[in-house]
Amino acid sequence: MWGQKAMGKVLGMSCSDKSLAFFINTFSGLDRYGKILGLSCDNANRTISARVLLKGETEPISVCIEEYEMIYETDSAQFLVKSAGADRQWVDVLLQDAAVGKSWPVPENAVGFLEGFLGQAGSFTHLDPI
């Protein structure tokens, strides 16, 4: 389940680039479930932490991709989630069942954008007041 190390990366950080959270909120279909309020990426440790407000929830949930990998093939790229967790048990179980060990295709026109963001270690995105 959710580690203290990951939680500290999301809480109390300053704002910076909003572009990845905007991209995910706008183009991923996440808006059916809620929205990302804040996002932190640590490329050196290959972690992505987020505060997410899910529909039907009154408080944001902290979610962490604790290890990821970009997989490049001849004409495509995939984003692989190796480990993930959340501070709510039901979300943590859902992540284990639906995300860990799974990979998702990265659209060709988004590969450079995603690589650029993942290279900005320690950045934090804040879209709404928390």
C-alpha atoms as a PDB file:
ATOM      1  CA  MET A   1       0.000   0.000   0.000  1.00  0.00           C
ATOM      2  CA  TRP A   2       0.919   3.678  -0.110  1.00  0.00           C
ATOM      3  CA  GLY A   3       4.396   4.478   1.259  1.00  0.00           C
ATOM      4  CA  GLN A   4       5.344   7.465   3.423  1.00  0.00           C
ATOM      5  CA  LYS A   5       8.181   8.293   0.994  1.00  0.00           C
ATOM      6  CA  ALA A   6       5.731   8.737  -1.875  1.00  0.00           C
ATOM      7  CA  MET A   7       3.222  10.730   0.187  1.00  0.00           C
ATOM      8  CA  GLY A   8       5.862  13.287   1.157  1.00  0.00           C
ATOM      9  CA  LYS A   9       6.563  14.007  -2.498  1.00  0.00           C
ATOM     10  CA  VAL A  10       3.040  15.261  -3.134  1.00  0.00           C
ATOM     11  CA  LEU A  11       2.255  17.142   0.058  1.00  0.00           C
ATOM     12  CA  GLY A  12       3.627  20.620   0.650  1.00  0.00           C
ATOM     13  CA  MET A  13       5.464  21.167  -2.632  1.00  0.00           C
ATOM     14  CA  SER A  14       5.432  24.374  -4.620  1.00  0.00           C
ATOM     15  CA  CYS A  15       3.748  24.833  -7.991  1.00  0.00           C
ATOM     16  CA  SER A  16       5.470  24.623 -11.364  1.00  0.00           C
ATOM     17  CA  ASP A  17       4.622  23.214 -14.801  1.00  0.00           C
ATOM     18  CA  LYS A  18       0.897  22.463 -15.298  1.00  0.00           C
ATOM     19  CA  SER A  19       1.277  20.924 -18.734  1.00  0.00           C
ATOM     20  CA  LEU A  20       1.312  17.176 -17.965  1.00  0.00           C
ATOM     21  CA  ALA A  21      -1.644  17.312 -15.569  1.00  0.00           C
ATOM     22  CA  PHE A  22      -3.555  19.406 -18.116  1.00  0.00           C
ATOM     23  CA  PHE A  23      -2.682  16.882 -20.846  1.00  0.00           C
ATOM     24  CA  ILE A  24      -3.811  13.931 -18.698  1.00  0.00           C
ATOM     25  CA  ASN A  25      -6.999  15.661 -17.515  1.00  0.00           C
ATOM     26  CA  THR A  26      -7.884  16.704 -21.060  1.00  0.00           C
ATOM     27  CA  PHE A  27      -6.914  13.747 -23.233  1.00  0.00           C
ATOM     28  CA  SER A  28      -6.814  10.593 -21.102  1.00  0.00           C
ATOM     29  CA  GLY A  29     -10.510  10.139 -20.369  1.00  0.00           C
ATOM     30  CA  LEU A  30      -9.754  10.590 -16.663  1.00  0.00           C
ATOM     31  CA  ASP A  31     -12.453  13.259 -16.528  1.00  0.00           C
ATOM     32  CA  ARG A  32     -15.018  10.418 -16.368  1.00  0.00           C
ATOM     33  CA  TYR A  33     -13.616   9.537 -12.935  1.00  0.00           C
ATOM     34  CA  GLY A  34     -12.288  12.833 -11.559  1.00  0.00           C
ATOM     35  CA  LYS A  35      -9.313  15.109 -12.109  1.00  0.00           C
ATOM     36  CA  ILE A  36      -5.684  15.523 -11.162  1.00  0.00           C
ATOM     37  CA  LEU A  37      -5.162  18.383  -8.711  1.00  0.00           C
ATOM     38  CA  GLY A  38      -1.398  18.104  -8.346  1.00  0.00           C
ATOM     39  CA  LEU A  39       1.383  16.080  -9.934  1.00  0.00           C
ATOM     40  CA  SER A  40       4.990  15.428  -8.928  1.00  0.00           C
ATOM     41  CA  CYS A  41       7.556  13.597 -11.044  1.00  0.00           C
ATOM     42  CA  ASP A  42      10.935  12.290  -9.871  1.00  0.00           C
ATOM     43  CA  ASN A  43      12.734  11.000 -12.948  1.00  0.00           C
ATOM     44  CA  ALA A  44      15.806   9.852 -11.011  1.00  0.00           C
ATOM     45  CA  ASN A  45      13.684   7.459  -8.919  1.00  0.00           C
ATOM     46  CA  ARG A  46      11.143   6.836 -11.705  1.00  0.00           C
ATOM     47  CA  THR A  47       8.153   7.850  -9.582  1.00  0.00           C
ATOM     48  CA  ILE A  48       5.079   9.938 -10.311  1.00  0.00           C
ATOM     49  CA  SER A  49       2.871  11.094  -7.433  1.00  0.00           C
ATOM     50  CA  ALA A  50      -0.527  12.703  -7.825  1.00  0.00           C
ATOM     51  CA  ARG A  51      -3.373  14.147  -5.804  1.00  0.00           C
ATOM     52  CA  VAL A  52      -6.598  13.153  -7.499  1.00  0.00           C
ATOM     53  CA  LEU A  53     -10.149  14.218  -6.712  1.00  0.00           C
ATOM     54  CA  LEU A  54     -12.390  11.352  -7.773  1.00  0.00           C
ATOM     55  CA  LYS A  55     -16.067  11.883  -8.462  1.00  0.00           C
ATOM     56  CA  GLY A  56     -18.105  10.971  -5.414  1.00  0.00           C
ATOM     57  CA  GLU A  57     -15.176  11.557  -3.035  1.00  0.00           C
ATOM     58  CA  THR A  58     -15.067  14.610  -0.779  1.00  0.00           C
ATOM     59  CA  GLU A  59     -11.292  14.562  -0.208  1.00  0.00           C
ATOM     60  CA  PRO A  60      -8.428  14.156  -2.689  1.00  0.00           C
ATOM     61  CA  ILE A  61      -6.688  10.787  -2.886  1.00  0.00           C
ATOM     62  CA  SER A  62      -2.901  10.432  -3.122  1.00  0.00           C
ATOM     63  CA  VAL A  63      -1.707   8.014  -5.798  1.00  0.00           C
ATOM     64  CA  CYS A  64       1.857   7.077  -6.664  1.00  0.00           C
ATOM     65  CA  ILE A  65       3.358   5.235  -9.593  1.00  0.00           C
ATOM     66  CA  GLU A  66       6.318   3.968  -7.590  1.00  0.00           C
ATOM     67  CA  GLU A  67       8.199   2.679 -10.612  1.00  0.00           C
ATOM     68  CA  TYR A  68       7.605   3.127 -14.327  1.00  0.00           C
ATOM     69  CA  GLU A  69       9.410   2.547 -17.581  1.00  0.00           C
ATOM     70  CA  MET A  70       9.145   3.955 -21.074  1.00  0.00           C
ATOM     71  CA  ILE A  71       9.460   1.111 -23.578  1.00  0.00           C
ATOM     72  CA  TYR A  72      10.502   2.040 -27.095  1.00  0.00           C
ATOM     73  CA  GLU A  73       9.835  -0.105 -30.106  1.00  0.00           C
ATOM     74  CA  THR A  74      10.677   0.566 -33.739  1.00  0.00           C
ATOM     75  CA  ASP A  75       7.641   2.706 -34.439  1.00  0.00           C
ATOM     76  CA  SER A  76       5.959   3.145 -31.057  1.00  0.00           C
ATOM     77  CA  ALA A  77       6.390   3.747 -27.338  1.00  0.00           C
ATOM     78  CA  GLN A  78       4.663   2.266 -24.303  1.00  0.00           C
ATOM     79  CA  PHE A  79       4.381   3.510 -20.721  1.00  0.00           C
ATOM     80  CA  LEU A  80       4.743   0.565 -18.302  1.00  0.00           C
ATOM     81  CA  VAL A  81       3.636   0.768 -14.654  1.00  0.00           C
ATOM     82  CA  LYS A  82       5.898  -1.514 -12.617  1.00  0.00           C
ATOM     83  CA  SER A  83       4.671  -0.585  -9.138  1.00  0.00           C
ATOM     84  CA  ALA A  84       1.913   1.681  -7.810  1.00  0.00           C
ATOM     85  CA  GLY A  85      -0.020   2.459  -4.657  1.00  0.00           C
ATOM     86  CA  ALA A  86      -2.627   4.757  -3.135  1.00  0.00           C
ATOM     87  CA  ASP A  87      -3.634   6.022   0.288  1.00  0.00           C
ATOM     88  CA  ARG A  88      -7.112   4.498  -0.014  1.00  0.00           C
ATOM     89  CA  GLN A  89      -7.281   0.717   0.160  1.00  0.00           C
ATOM     90  CA  TRP A  90      -9.890   0.310  -2.583  1.00  0.00           C
ATOM     91  CA  VAL A  91      -7.883   2.496  -4.978  1.00  0.00           C
ATOM     92  CA  ASP A  92      -4.699   0.620  -4.071  1.00  0.00           C
ATOM     93  CA  VAL A  93      -6.354  -2.726  -4.875  1.00  0.00           C
ATOM     94  CA  LEU A  94      -7.727  -1.314  -8.131  1.00  0.00           C
ATOM     95  CA  LEU A  95      -4.231  -0.122  -9.116  1.00  0.00           C
ATOM     96  CA  GLN A  96      -2.782  -3.567  -8.420  1.00  0.00           C
ATOM     97  CA  ASP A  97      -5.467  -5.215 -10.540  1.00  0.00           C
ATOM     98  CA  ALA A  98      -5.699  -2.722 -13.404  1.00  0.00           C
ATOM     99  CA  ALA A  99      -2.380  -0.855 -13.662  1.00  0.00           C
ATOM    100  CA  VAL A 100       0.617  -2.697 -12.198  1.00  0.00           C
ATOM    101  CA  GLY A 101       2.335  -4.766 -14.842  1.00  0.00           C
ATOM    102  CA  LYS A 102       0.323  -3.134 -17.611  1.00  0.00           C
ATOM    103  CA  SER A 103       1.575  -0.857 -20.341  1.00  0.00           C
ATOM    104  CA  TRP A 104      -0.227   1.747 -22.396  1.00  0.00           C
ATOM    105  CA  PRO A 105       0.654   3.019 -25.851  1.00  0.00           C
ATOM    106  CA  VAL A 106       1.923   6.576 -25.969  1.00  0.00           C
ATOM    107  CA  PRO A 107       0.622   8.413 -29.048  1.00  0.00           C
ATOM    108  CA  GLU A 108       3.456   9.270 -31.425  1.00  0.00           C
ATOM    109  CA  ASN A 109       2.778  12.990 -31.154  1.00  0.00           C
ATOM    110  CA  ALA A 110       2.937  12.796 -27.322  1.00  0.00           C
ATOM    111  CA  VAL A 111       6.208  10.869 -26.881  1.00  0.00           C
ATOM    112  CA  GLY A 112       8.445  13.969 -26.906  1.00  0.00           C
ATOM    113  CA  PHE A 113       6.087  15.820 -24.584  1.00  0.00           C
ATOM    114  CA  LEU A 114       6.025  12.957 -22.063  1.00  0.00           C
ATOM    115  CA  GLU A 115       9.795  12.466 -22.231  1.00  0.00           C
ATOM    116  CA  GLY A 116      10.292  16.180 -21.637  1.00  0.00           C
ATOM    117  CA  PHE A 117       8.113  16.161 -18.554  1.00  0.00           C
ATOM    118  CA  LEU A 118       9.594  12.989 -17.112  1.00  0.00           C
ATOM    119  CA  GLY A 119      13.012  14.608 -17.449  1.00  0.00           C
ATOM    120  CA  GLN A 120      11.951  17.469 -15.141  1.00  0.00           C
ATOM    121  CA  ALA A 121      12.683  15.731 -11.841  1.00  0.00           C
ATOM    122  CA  GLY A 122      10.939  17.109  -8.802  1.00  0.00           C
ATOM    123  CA  SER A 123       8.479  19.349 -10.609  1.00  0.00           C
ATOM    124  CA  PHE A 124       5.040  19.830  -9.144  1.00  0.00           C
ATOM    125  CA  THR A 125       1.870  20.740 -10.933  1.00  0.00           C
ATOM    126  CA  HIS A 126      -1.001  22.367  -9.087  1.00  0.00           C
ATOM    127  CA  LEU A 127      -4.235  23.050 -10.929  1.00  0.00           C
ATOM    128  CA  ASP A 128      -6.769  23.841  -8.212  1.00  0.00           C
ATOM    129  CA  PRO A 129      -6.593  25.006  -4.614  1.00  0.00           C
ATOM    130  CA  ILE A 130      -5.926  22.015  -2.381  1.00  0.00           C
END
